[in-house]
């Protein structure tokens, strides 16, 4: 490309302002081609999937959270016996490893104008060999966030106990106050 520019400059006998304009245009073209297009050019990209099996894992996750919260709240002063129900925003998701190949073809370039270009992408799922066969390679499992919490406690009628429970739930799960409900347990 350098030789083409040099030949063009010698042929036209560019001088002063004209030469400066050509250099600026060529520089601008190089700068535009150097900037990223906003598309991922990474070799490995991940895709999120949700399956029925993950739904079962989410139920186990929800039950585990409830059990652990019941255990810790019951040890707090004034709470007494406690039952907890937690709702989650969605099911858990697995992030599957993908290989992404990106190729860009540019043709028909004249004086800084590209007349034809194309970008092609190809994604291929990465698999790992196990005893049960090939399974997609899981990079990360994303657990759902807690959406709401209901606490039924023997000490739920006391405002100090309610405040302590609310503070504990907010510290553990980051749930907004209006999504936490604490009620007094029926002891009959």
N, C-alpha and C. Protein backbone atom coordinates (compact mmCIF):
# COMPACT_ATOMS: atom_id res chain seq x y z
N UNK A 1 0.82 -1.18 0.00
CA UNK A 1 0.00 0.00 0.00
C UNK A 1 0.87 1.26 0.00
N UNK A 2 2.02 1.19 0.72
CA UNK A 2 2.94 2.33 0.73
C UNK A 2 3.42 2.67 -0.67
N UNK A 3 3.72 1.63 -1.44
CA UNK A 3 4.22 1.85 -2.80
C UNK A 3 3.15 2.52 -3.66
N UNK A 4 1.88 2.11 -3.48
CA UNK A 4 0.79 2.71 -4.24
C UNK A 4 0.64 4.19 -3.92
N UNK A 5 0.73 4.53 -2.64
CA UNK A 5 0.61 5.93 -2.23
C UNK A 5 1.78 6.74 -2.77
N UNK A 6 2.99 6.16 -2.69
CA UNK A 6 4.17 6.86 -3.19
C UNK A 6 4.06 7.10 -4.69
N UNK A 7 3.60 6.08 -5.44
CA UNK A 7 3.44 6.21 -6.89
C UNK A 7 2.38 7.27 -7.21
N UNK A 8 1.30 7.29 -6.45
CA UNK A 8 0.24 8.28 -6.66
C UNK A 8 0.76 9.69 -6.41
N UNK A 9 1.56 9.85 -5.36
CA UNK A 9 2.10 11.17 -5.03
C UNK A 9 3.06 11.66 -6.12
N UNK A 10 3.90 10.75 -6.64
CA UNK A 10 4.85 11.14 -7.69
C UNK A 10 4.13 11.46 -8.99
N UNK A 11 3.08 10.71 -9.30
CA UNK A 11 2.33 10.89 -10.53
C UNK A 11 1.61 12.24 -10.55
N UNK A 12 0.99 12.61 -9.46
CA UNK A 12 0.21 13.84 -9.38
C UNK A 12 1.03 15.07 -9.01
N UNK A 13 2.25 14.90 -8.54
CA UNK A 13 3.10 16.02 -8.11
C UNK A 13 2.41 16.82 -7.00
N UNK A 14 2.04 16.13 -5.96
CA UNK A 14 1.33 16.74 -4.84
C UNK A 14 2.25 17.73 -4.13
N UNK A 15 1.65 18.84 -3.70
CA UNK A 15 2.42 19.84 -2.99
C UNK A 15 1.58 20.43 -1.86
N UNK A 16 2.25 20.92 -0.84
CA UNK A 16 1.68 21.71 0.24
C UNK A 16 0.37 21.20 0.79
N UNK A 17 -0.70 21.99 0.60
CA UNK A 17 -2.02 21.68 1.15
C UNK A 17 -2.56 20.36 0.63
N UNK A 18 -2.39 20.11 -0.66
CA UNK A 18 -2.92 18.89 -1.25
C UNK A 18 -2.30 17.65 -0.59
N UNK A 19 -1.00 17.70 -0.38
CA UNK A 19 -0.30 16.59 0.26
C UNK A 19 -0.80 16.41 1.70
N UNK A 20 -1.00 17.51 2.41
CA UNK A 20 -1.48 17.46 3.79
C UNK A 20 -2.89 16.85 3.84
N UNK A 21 -3.76 17.20 2.91
CA UNK A 21 -5.13 16.66 2.87
C UNK A 21 -5.10 15.15 2.64
N UNK A 22 -4.26 14.70 1.71
CA UNK A 22 -4.15 13.27 1.43
C UNK A 22 -3.65 12.53 2.67
N UNK A 23 -2.66 13.09 3.35
CA UNK A 23 -2.11 12.45 4.56
C UNK A 23 -3.18 12.37 5.64
N UNK A 24 -3.96 13.42 5.80
CA UNK A 24 -5.04 13.42 6.82
C UNK A 24 -6.09 12.37 6.47
N UNK A 25 -6.48 12.28 5.21
CA UNK A 25 -7.48 11.29 4.80
C UNK A 25 -6.98 9.88 5.03
N UNK A 26 -5.74 9.61 4.65
CA UNK A 26 -5.16 8.28 4.84
C UNK A 26 -5.06 7.97 6.35
N UNK A 27 -4.67 8.95 7.14
CA UNK A 27 -4.58 8.76 8.59
C UNK A 27 -5.94 8.48 9.20
N UNK A 28 -6.96 9.22 8.74
CA UNK A 28 -8.32 9.01 9.25
C UNK A 28 -8.81 7.62 8.89
N UNK A 29 -8.53 7.18 7.68
CA UNK A 29 -8.93 5.84 7.25
C UNK A 29 -8.27 4.77 8.12
N UNK A 30 -6.99 4.94 8.38
CA UNK A 30 -6.27 3.98 9.24
C UNK A 30 -6.86 3.97 10.64
N UNK A 31 -7.20 5.15 11.16
CA UNK A 31 -7.78 5.24 12.50
C UNK A 31 -9.14 4.55 12.56
N UNK A 32 -9.98 4.73 11.54
CA UNK A 32 -11.29 4.09 11.50
C UNK A 32 -11.15 2.58 11.45
N UNK A 33 -10.22 2.08 10.66
CA UNK A 33 -10.03 0.64 10.56
C UNK A 33 -9.43 0.05 11.83
N UNK A 34 -8.72 0.84 12.61
CA UNK A 34 -8.07 0.35 13.82
C UNK A 34 -9.03 0.26 15.00
N UNK A 35 -10.11 1.07 15.02
CA UNK A 35 -11.05 1.06 16.14
C UNK A 35 -11.88 -0.20 16.11
N UNK A 36 -12.21 -0.74 17.31
CA UNK A 36 -13.05 -1.94 17.36
C UNK A 36 -14.46 -1.63 16.87
N UNK A 37 -15.11 -2.64 16.33
CA UNK A 37 -16.45 -2.45 15.78
C UNK A 37 -17.54 -2.68 16.81
N UNK A 38 -17.16 -2.99 18.04
CA UNK A 38 -18.15 -3.27 19.07
C UNK A 38 -18.50 -4.74 19.14
N UNK A 39 -18.04 -5.53 18.18
CA UNK A 39 -18.27 -6.96 18.18
C UNK A 39 -17.15 -7.64 18.94
N UNK A 40 -17.45 -8.77 19.55
CA UNK A 40 -16.44 -9.49 20.30
C UNK A 40 -15.54 -10.24 19.35
N UNK A 41 -14.25 -9.98 19.44
CA UNK A 41 -13.28 -10.70 18.64
C UNK A 41 -12.51 -11.68 19.51
N UNK A 42 -13.10 -12.10 20.63
CA UNK A 42 -12.42 -12.99 21.56
C UNK A 42 -12.43 -14.40 21.00
N UNK A 43 -11.45 -15.15 21.40
CA UNK A 43 -11.37 -16.54 20.96
C UNK A 43 -12.42 -17.37 21.68
N UNK A 44 -12.59 -17.16 22.98
CA UNK A 44 -13.57 -17.92 23.75
C UNK A 44 -14.68 -17.00 24.24
N UNK A 45 -15.91 -17.34 23.92
CA UNK A 45 -17.05 -16.58 24.39
C UNK A 45 -17.96 -17.58 25.08
N UNK A 46 -18.77 -17.09 26.01
CA UNK A 46 -19.63 -17.99 26.76
C UNK A 46 -21.09 -17.74 26.40
N UNK A 47 -21.90 -18.78 26.50
CA UNK A 47 -23.33 -18.68 26.22
C UNK A 47 -24.07 -19.21 27.44
N UNK A 48 -25.15 -18.55 27.82
CA UNK A 48 -25.93 -18.98 28.97
C UNK A 48 -27.04 -19.90 28.50
N UNK A 49 -27.24 -21.00 29.23
CA UNK A 49 -28.33 -21.89 28.91
C UNK A 49 -29.10 -22.25 30.17
N UNK A 50 -30.35 -22.60 30.02
CA UNK A 50 -31.17 -23.02 31.14
C UNK A 50 -31.84 -24.33 30.75
N UNK A 51 -31.81 -25.32 31.65
CA UNK A 51 -32.41 -26.60 31.36
C UNK A 51 -33.32 -27.02 32.50
N UNK A 52 -34.08 -28.10 32.26
CA UNK A 52 -34.97 -28.62 33.29
C UNK A 52 -34.17 -29.12 34.49
N UNK A 53 -33.01 -29.70 34.23
CA UNK A 53 -32.14 -30.20 35.31
C UNK A 53 -31.71 -29.05 36.22
N UNK A 54 -31.45 -27.89 35.62
CA UNK A 54 -31.06 -26.73 36.42
C UNK A 54 -32.20 -26.26 37.30
N UNK A 55 -33.46 -26.47 36.84
CA UNK A 55 -34.61 -26.10 37.66
C UNK A 55 -34.61 -26.90 38.95
N UNK A 56 -34.29 -28.18 38.85
CA UNK A 56 -34.21 -29.02 40.05
C UNK A 56 -33.09 -28.55 40.97
N UNK A 57 -31.97 -28.15 40.39
CA UNK A 57 -30.87 -27.63 41.20
C UNK A 57 -31.26 -26.34 41.89
N UNK A 58 -32.08 -25.53 41.21
CA UNK A 58 -32.55 -24.27 41.81
C UNK A 58 -33.41 -24.55 43.02
N UNK A 59 -34.27 -25.57 42.94
CA UNK A 59 -35.09 -25.93 44.10
C UNK A 59 -34.22 -26.39 45.26
N UNK A 60 -33.17 -27.15 44.97
CA UNK A 60 -32.23 -27.56 46.02
C UNK A 60 -31.54 -26.34 46.61
N UNK A 61 -31.15 -25.42 45.76
CA UNK A 61 -30.47 -24.19 46.19
C UNK A 61 -31.40 -23.37 47.10
N UNK A 62 -32.65 -23.24 46.69
CA UNK A 62 -33.64 -22.50 47.47
C UNK A 62 -33.86 -23.15 48.84
N UNK A 63 -34.00 -24.46 48.87
CA UNK A 63 -34.19 -25.20 50.12
C UNK A 63 -32.98 -25.05 51.03
N UNK A 64 -31.79 -25.12 50.46
CA UNK A 64 -30.56 -24.95 51.23
C UNK A 64 -30.50 -23.56 51.86
N UNK A 65 -30.85 -22.53 51.08
CA UNK A 65 -30.86 -21.16 51.63
C UNK A 65 -31.85 -21.04 52.77
N UNK A 66 -33.05 -21.60 52.58
CA UNK A 66 -34.08 -21.54 53.63
C UNK A 66 -33.60 -22.22 54.90
N UNK A 67 -33.02 -23.40 54.77
CA UNK A 67 -32.55 -24.15 55.95
C UNK A 67 -31.45 -23.40 56.68
N UNK A 68 -30.52 -22.85 55.93
CA UNK A 68 -29.41 -22.12 56.57
C UNK A 68 -29.92 -20.85 57.26
N UNK A 69 -30.86 -20.16 56.63
CA UNK A 69 -31.42 -18.95 57.23
C UNK A 69 -32.22 -19.28 58.48
N UNK A 70 -33.01 -20.34 58.44
CA UNK A 70 -33.76 -20.77 59.63
C UNK A 70 -32.82 -21.07 60.78
N UNK A 71 -31.74 -21.78 60.47
CA UNK A 71 -30.76 -22.15 61.50
C UNK A 71 -30.14 -20.92 62.16
N UNK A 72 -29.73 -19.95 61.35
CA UNK A 72 -29.05 -18.78 61.92
C UNK A 72 -30.02 -17.86 62.63
N UNK A 73 -31.23 -17.68 62.08
CA UNK A 73 -32.22 -16.81 62.74
C UNK A 73 -32.67 -17.38 64.07
N UNK A 74 -32.81 -18.70 64.15
CA UNK A 74 -33.27 -19.32 65.41
C UNK A 74 -32.25 -19.15 66.54
N UNK A 75 -31.00 -18.84 66.18
CA UNK A 75 -29.98 -18.63 67.20
C UNK A 75 -29.94 -17.18 67.69
N UNK A 76 -30.67 -16.29 67.01
CA UNK A 76 -30.69 -14.89 67.42
C UNK A 76 -31.59 -14.72 68.64
N UNK A 77 -31.22 -13.81 69.51
CA UNK A 77 -31.97 -13.56 70.74
C UNK A 77 -33.38 -13.05 70.44
N UNK A 78 -34.37 -13.70 71.07
CA UNK A 78 -35.75 -13.25 70.95
C UNK A 78 -36.50 -13.81 69.77
N UNK A 79 -35.83 -14.45 68.83
CA UNK A 79 -36.51 -14.94 67.63
C UNK A 79 -37.29 -16.22 67.93
N UNK A 80 -36.70 -17.15 68.67
CA UNK A 80 -37.36 -18.42 68.96
C UNK A 80 -37.41 -19.32 67.75
N UNK A 81 -38.47 -20.15 67.73
CA UNK A 81 -38.66 -21.06 66.60
C UNK A 81 -38.98 -20.24 65.35
N UNK A 82 -38.51 -20.72 64.20
CA UNK A 82 -38.66 -19.93 62.98
C UNK A 82 -38.88 -20.83 61.76
N UNK A 83 -39.69 -20.34 60.82
CA UNK A 83 -39.91 -20.96 59.51
C UNK A 83 -39.62 -19.89 58.47
N UNK A 84 -38.94 -20.28 57.38
CA UNK A 84 -38.55 -19.32 56.35
C UNK A 84 -38.99 -19.82 54.98
N UNK A 85 -39.47 -18.88 54.17
CA UNK A 85 -39.75 -19.17 52.76
C UNK A 85 -39.03 -18.12 51.93
N UNK A 86 -38.26 -18.60 50.95
CA UNK A 86 -37.50 -17.71 50.07
C UNK A 86 -38.00 -17.91 48.65
N UNK A 87 -38.18 -16.79 47.94
CA UNK A 87 -38.48 -16.87 46.51
C UNK A 87 -37.28 -16.33 45.74
N UNK A 88 -37.00 -16.97 44.61
CA UNK A 88 -35.87 -16.59 43.78
C UNK A 88 -36.36 -15.95 42.49
N UNK A 89 -35.53 -15.08 41.91
CA UNK A 89 -35.91 -14.37 40.68
C UNK A 89 -36.08 -15.30 39.49
N UNK A 90 -35.21 -16.25 39.33
CA UNK A 90 -35.25 -17.14 38.16
C UNK A 90 -34.50 -18.40 38.51
N UNK A 91 -34.39 -19.30 37.55
CA UNK A 91 -33.61 -20.51 37.78
C UNK A 91 -32.13 -20.22 37.57
N UNK A 92 -31.30 -21.14 38.02
CA UNK A 92 -29.86 -20.95 37.83
C UNK A 92 -29.52 -21.16 36.35
N UNK A 93 -28.38 -20.62 35.96
CA UNK A 93 -27.93 -20.72 34.57
C UNK A 93 -26.49 -21.19 34.56
N UNK A 94 -26.16 -21.96 33.55
CA UNK A 94 -24.79 -22.37 33.34
C UNK A 94 -24.23 -21.60 32.16
N UNK A 95 -23.01 -21.14 32.30
CA UNK A 95 -22.34 -20.45 31.21
C UNK A 95 -21.45 -21.49 30.53
N UNK A 96 -21.75 -21.74 29.25
CA UNK A 96 -21.05 -22.76 28.48
C UNK A 96 -19.95 -22.10 27.65
N UNK A 97 -18.79 -22.74 27.62
CA UNK A 97 -17.64 -22.22 26.85
C UNK A 97 -17.89 -22.38 25.36
N UNK A 98 -17.60 -21.32 24.63
CA UNK A 98 -17.74 -21.32 23.17
C UNK A 98 -16.43 -20.83 22.55
N UNK A 99 -16.03 -21.42 21.43
CA UNK A 99 -14.94 -20.89 20.62
C UNK A 99 -15.58 -20.05 19.53
N UNK A 100 -15.11 -18.84 19.36
CA UNK A 100 -15.65 -17.93 18.36
C UNK A 100 -14.56 -17.56 17.38
N UNK A 101 -14.83 -17.82 16.11
CA UNK A 101 -13.91 -17.42 15.04
C UNK A 101 -14.55 -16.26 14.29
N UNK A 102 -13.82 -15.17 14.14
CA UNK A 102 -14.31 -14.00 13.42
C UNK A 102 -13.34 -13.72 12.29
N UNK A 103 -13.90 -13.57 11.09
CA UNK A 103 -13.05 -13.19 9.96
C UNK A 103 -13.72 -12.04 9.23
N UNK A 104 -12.90 -11.13 8.74
CA UNK A 104 -13.40 -9.94 8.06
C UNK A 104 -12.74 -9.86 6.70
N UNK A 105 -13.57 -9.72 5.66
CA UNK A 105 -13.07 -9.58 4.29
C UNK A 105 -13.38 -8.18 3.80
N UNK A 106 -12.36 -7.47 3.32
CA UNK A 106 -12.53 -6.13 2.79
C UNK A 106 -11.99 -6.12 1.37
N UNK A 107 -12.79 -5.60 0.43
CA UNK A 107 -12.33 -5.52 -0.96
C UNK A 107 -12.86 -4.25 -1.60
N UNK A 108 -12.25 -3.83 -2.68
CA UNK A 108 -12.71 -2.65 -3.41
C UNK A 108 -12.37 -1.35 -2.72
N UNK A 109 -11.17 -1.21 -2.22
CA UNK A 109 -10.76 -0.01 -1.50
C UNK A 109 -10.19 1.00 -2.49
N UNK A 110 -10.81 2.20 -2.57
CA UNK A 110 -10.31 3.25 -3.46
C UNK A 110 -10.35 4.58 -2.75
N UNK A 111 -9.24 5.24 -2.64
CA UNK A 111 -9.11 6.58 -2.05
C UNK A 111 -9.86 6.71 -0.72
N UNK A 112 -9.69 5.74 0.15
CA UNK A 112 -10.26 5.83 1.49
C UNK A 112 -11.71 5.37 1.58
N UNK A 113 -12.29 4.87 0.52
CA UNK A 113 -13.68 4.42 0.54
C UNK A 113 -13.69 2.91 0.37
N UNK A 114 -14.36 2.25 1.29
CA UNK A 114 -14.48 0.80 1.21
C UNK A 114 -15.81 0.49 0.53
N UNK A 115 -15.75 -0.21 -0.60
CA UNK A 115 -16.98 -0.47 -1.34
C UNK A 115 -17.62 -1.80 -0.97
N UNK A 116 -16.88 -2.73 -0.38
CA UNK A 116 -17.44 -4.03 -0.06
C UNK A 116 -16.71 -4.60 1.15
N UNK A 117 -17.46 -4.99 2.15
CA UNK A 117 -16.84 -5.65 3.30
C UNK A 117 -17.84 -6.64 3.89
N UNK A 118 -17.31 -7.69 4.50
CA UNK A 118 -18.17 -8.68 5.15
C UNK A 118 -17.46 -9.24 6.37
N UNK A 119 -18.27 -9.57 7.36
CA UNK A 119 -17.75 -10.17 8.59
C UNK A 119 -18.48 -11.48 8.78
N UNK A 120 -17.74 -12.54 9.04
CA UNK A 120 -18.37 -13.83 9.30
C UNK A 120 -17.92 -14.34 10.66
N UNK A 121 -18.87 -14.95 11.36
CA UNK A 121 -18.60 -15.50 12.69
C UNK A 121 -19.00 -16.96 12.71
N UNK A 122 -18.25 -17.72 13.49
CA UNK A 122 -18.58 -19.12 13.67
C UNK A 122 -18.37 -19.46 15.15
N UNK A 123 -19.43 -19.94 15.80
CA UNK A 123 -19.35 -20.35 17.21
C UNK A 123 -19.40 -21.87 17.28
N UNK A 124 -18.53 -22.41 18.11
CA UNK A 124 -18.48 -23.85 18.31
C UNK A 124 -18.45 -24.12 19.81
N UNK A 125 -19.37 -24.94 20.30
CA UNK A 125 -19.41 -25.28 21.72
C UNK A 125 -18.21 -26.15 22.07
N UNK A 126 -17.59 -25.86 23.20
CA UNK A 126 -16.45 -26.63 23.70
C UNK A 126 -17.00 -27.76 24.56
N UNK A 127 -16.57 -28.98 24.28
CA UNK A 127 -17.03 -30.15 25.02
C UNK A 127 -15.87 -30.74 25.83
N UNK A 128 -16.23 -31.41 26.93
CA UNK A 128 -15.22 -32.14 27.69
C UNK A 128 -15.62 -33.60 27.73
N UNK A 129 -14.63 -34.48 27.67
CA UNK A 129 -14.89 -35.91 27.71
C UNK A 129 -15.06 -36.35 29.16
N UNK A 130 -16.14 -37.08 29.42
CA UNK A 130 -16.37 -37.64 30.75
C UNK A 130 -16.69 -39.12 30.57
N UNK A 131 -16.91 -39.79 31.68
CA UNK A 131 -17.27 -41.21 31.61
C UNK A 131 -18.61 -41.42 30.94
N UNK A 132 -19.49 -40.40 31.01
CA UNK A 132 -20.82 -40.50 30.42
C UNK A 132 -20.86 -39.99 28.98
N UNK A 133 -19.74 -39.55 28.44
CA UNK A 133 -19.69 -39.04 27.07
C UNK A 133 -19.27 -37.58 27.03
N UNK A 134 -19.45 -36.97 25.88
CA UNK A 134 -19.11 -35.56 25.71
C UNK A 134 -20.21 -34.69 26.29
N UNK A 135 -19.83 -33.76 27.15
CA UNK A 135 -20.78 -32.80 27.72
C UNK A 135 -20.21 -31.40 27.52
N UNK A 136 -21.09 -30.39 27.36
CA UNK A 136 -20.58 -29.03 27.21
C UNK A 136 -19.74 -28.62 28.41
N UNK A 137 -18.66 -27.89 28.15
CA UNK A 137 -17.76 -27.43 29.20
C UNK A 137 -18.39 -26.22 29.89
N UNK A 138 -18.71 -26.36 31.19
CA UNK A 138 -19.34 -25.30 31.97
C UNK A 138 -18.26 -24.43 32.58
N UNK A 139 -18.29 -23.13 32.23
CA UNK A 139 -17.31 -22.18 32.74
C UNK A 139 -17.73 -21.67 34.11
N UNK A 140 -19.04 -21.44 34.27
CA UNK A 140 -19.53 -20.81 35.49
C UNK A 140 -20.99 -21.15 35.67
N UNK A 141 -21.42 -21.32 36.93
CA UNK A 141 -22.84 -21.48 37.23
C UNK A 141 -23.29 -20.22 37.95
N UNK A 142 -24.35 -19.62 37.44
CA UNK A 142 -24.87 -18.38 38.01
C UNK A 142 -26.14 -18.71 38.78
N UNK A 143 -26.09 -18.52 40.09
CA UNK A 143 -27.25 -18.80 40.93
C UNK A 143 -28.21 -17.62 40.90
N UNK A 144 -29.51 -17.89 41.00
CA UNK A 144 -30.49 -16.80 40.98
C UNK A 144 -30.42 -15.97 42.25
N UNK A 145 -30.83 -14.71 42.13
CA UNK A 145 -30.85 -13.82 43.29
C UNK A 145 -32.14 -14.01 44.07
N UNK A 146 -32.06 -13.74 45.37
CA UNK A 146 -33.23 -13.83 46.24
C UNK A 146 -34.15 -12.65 45.93
N UNK A 147 -35.42 -12.95 45.67
CA UNK A 147 -36.38 -11.91 45.34
C UNK A 147 -37.18 -11.47 46.56
N UNK A 148 -37.54 -12.41 47.41
CA UNK A 148 -38.33 -12.07 48.59
C UNK A 148 -38.14 -13.09 49.69
N UNK A 149 -38.40 -12.66 50.94
CA UNK A 149 -38.23 -13.55 52.08
C UNK A 149 -39.42 -13.37 53.03
N UNK A 150 -40.02 -14.49 53.43
CA UNK A 150 -41.07 -14.50 54.44
C UNK A 150 -40.53 -15.25 55.65
N UNK A 151 -40.62 -14.61 56.82
CA UNK A 151 -40.15 -15.23 58.05
C UNK A 151 -41.32 -15.30 59.02
N UNK A 152 -41.60 -16.51 59.51
CA UNK A 152 -42.61 -16.72 60.55
C UNK A 152 -41.84 -17.12 61.79
N UNK A 153 -41.86 -16.23 62.80
CA UNK A 153 -41.04 -16.46 64.00
C UNK A 153 -41.87 -16.29 65.27
N UNK A 154 -41.52 -17.06 66.31
CA UNK A 154 -42.21 -16.92 67.60
C UNK A 154 -42.07 -15.50 68.13
N UNK A 155 -40.92 -14.89 67.94
CA UNK A 155 -40.68 -13.53 68.42
C UNK A 155 -41.02 -12.46 67.39
N UNK A 156 -41.76 -12.83 66.35
CA UNK A 156 -42.07 -11.91 65.26
C UNK A 156 -42.93 -10.73 65.64
N UNK A 157 -43.54 -10.72 66.81
CA UNK A 157 -44.38 -9.60 67.24
C UNK A 157 -43.57 -8.46 67.84
N UNK A 158 -42.31 -8.68 68.15
CA UNK A 158 -41.46 -7.68 68.79
C UNK A 158 -40.75 -6.85 67.72
N UNK A 159 -40.85 -5.52 67.82
CA UNK A 159 -40.27 -4.65 66.79
C UNK A 159 -38.74 -4.75 66.75
N UNK A 160 -38.10 -4.94 67.92
CA UNK A 160 -36.63 -5.08 67.94
C UNK A 160 -36.22 -6.35 67.20
N UNK A 161 -36.93 -7.45 67.44
CA UNK A 161 -36.63 -8.72 66.78
C UNK A 161 -36.86 -8.59 65.27
N UNK A 162 -37.95 -7.94 64.88
CA UNK A 162 -38.24 -7.75 63.45
C UNK A 162 -37.13 -6.95 62.77
N UNK A 163 -36.66 -5.90 63.45
CA UNK A 163 -35.57 -5.09 62.89
C UNK A 163 -34.29 -5.91 62.76
N UNK A 164 -33.98 -6.72 63.76
CA UNK A 164 -32.77 -7.56 63.72
C UNK A 164 -32.86 -8.59 62.59
N UNK A 165 -34.02 -9.18 62.41
CA UNK A 165 -34.21 -10.16 61.33
C UNK A 165 -34.07 -9.48 59.97
N UNK A 166 -34.71 -8.33 59.82
CA UNK A 166 -34.65 -7.58 58.56
C UNK A 166 -33.21 -7.21 58.23
N UNK A 167 -32.47 -6.71 59.22
CA UNK A 167 -31.07 -6.34 59.00
C UNK A 167 -30.23 -7.55 58.58
N UNK A 168 -30.48 -8.69 59.22
CA UNK A 168 -29.73 -9.91 58.89
C UNK A 168 -30.01 -10.34 57.46
N UNK A 169 -31.27 -10.30 57.04
CA UNK A 169 -31.64 -10.73 55.69
C UNK A 169 -31.05 -9.78 54.65
N UNK A 170 -31.10 -8.49 54.94
CA UNK A 170 -30.52 -7.52 54.01
C UNK A 170 -29.02 -7.72 53.88
N UNK A 171 -28.35 -8.00 54.99
CA UNK A 171 -26.90 -8.21 54.95
C UNK A 171 -26.55 -9.47 54.17
N UNK A 172 -27.35 -10.51 54.31
CA UNK A 172 -27.06 -11.77 53.63
C UNK A 172 -27.41 -11.77 52.15
N UNK A 173 -28.57 -11.20 51.81
CA UNK A 173 -29.08 -11.35 50.45
C UNK A 173 -29.23 -10.05 49.68
N UNK A 174 -29.08 -8.90 50.32
CA UNK A 174 -29.23 -7.62 49.63
C UNK A 174 -30.65 -7.36 49.16
N UNK A 175 -31.63 -7.94 49.85
CA UNK A 175 -33.03 -7.79 49.48
C UNK A 175 -33.56 -6.46 50.03
N UNK A 176 -34.36 -5.76 49.23
CA UNK A 176 -34.97 -4.51 49.69
C UNK A 176 -35.92 -4.79 50.84
N UNK A 177 -36.07 -3.81 51.73
CA UNK A 177 -36.89 -3.95 52.93
C UNK A 177 -38.33 -4.33 52.57
N UNK A 178 -38.88 -3.74 51.53
CA UNK A 178 -40.28 -4.02 51.17
C UNK A 178 -40.48 -5.43 50.63
N UNK A 179 -39.40 -6.18 50.44
CA UNK A 179 -39.51 -7.56 49.97
C UNK A 179 -39.24 -8.56 51.10
N UNK A 180 -39.22 -8.05 52.33
CA UNK A 180 -39.03 -8.89 53.51
C UNK A 180 -40.27 -8.76 54.37
N UNK A 181 -40.88 -9.87 54.73
CA UNK A 181 -42.07 -9.85 55.58
C UNK A 181 -41.82 -10.77 56.77
N UNK A 182 -42.03 -10.19 57.97
CA UNK A 182 -41.84 -10.95 59.20
C UNK A 182 -43.17 -10.96 59.95
N UNK A 183 -43.62 -12.15 60.33
CA UNK A 183 -44.88 -12.27 61.06
C UNK A 183 -44.69 -13.14 62.30
N UNK A 184 -45.58 -12.95 63.26
CA UNK A 184 -45.52 -13.72 64.51
C UNK A 184 -46.09 -15.12 64.26
N UNK A 185 -45.40 -16.13 64.80
CA UNK A 185 -45.81 -17.52 64.64
C UNK A 185 -47.00 -17.81 65.53
N UNK A 186 -47.95 -18.58 65.01
CA UNK A 186 -49.10 -19.04 65.79
C UNK A 186 -48.62 -20.16 66.68
N UNK A 187 -48.69 -19.98 67.97
CA UNK A 187 -48.16 -20.98 68.91
C UNK A 187 -49.23 -21.88 69.48
N UNK A 188 -50.44 -21.85 68.94
CA UNK A 188 -51.54 -22.70 69.45
C UNK A 188 -51.37 -24.12 69.02
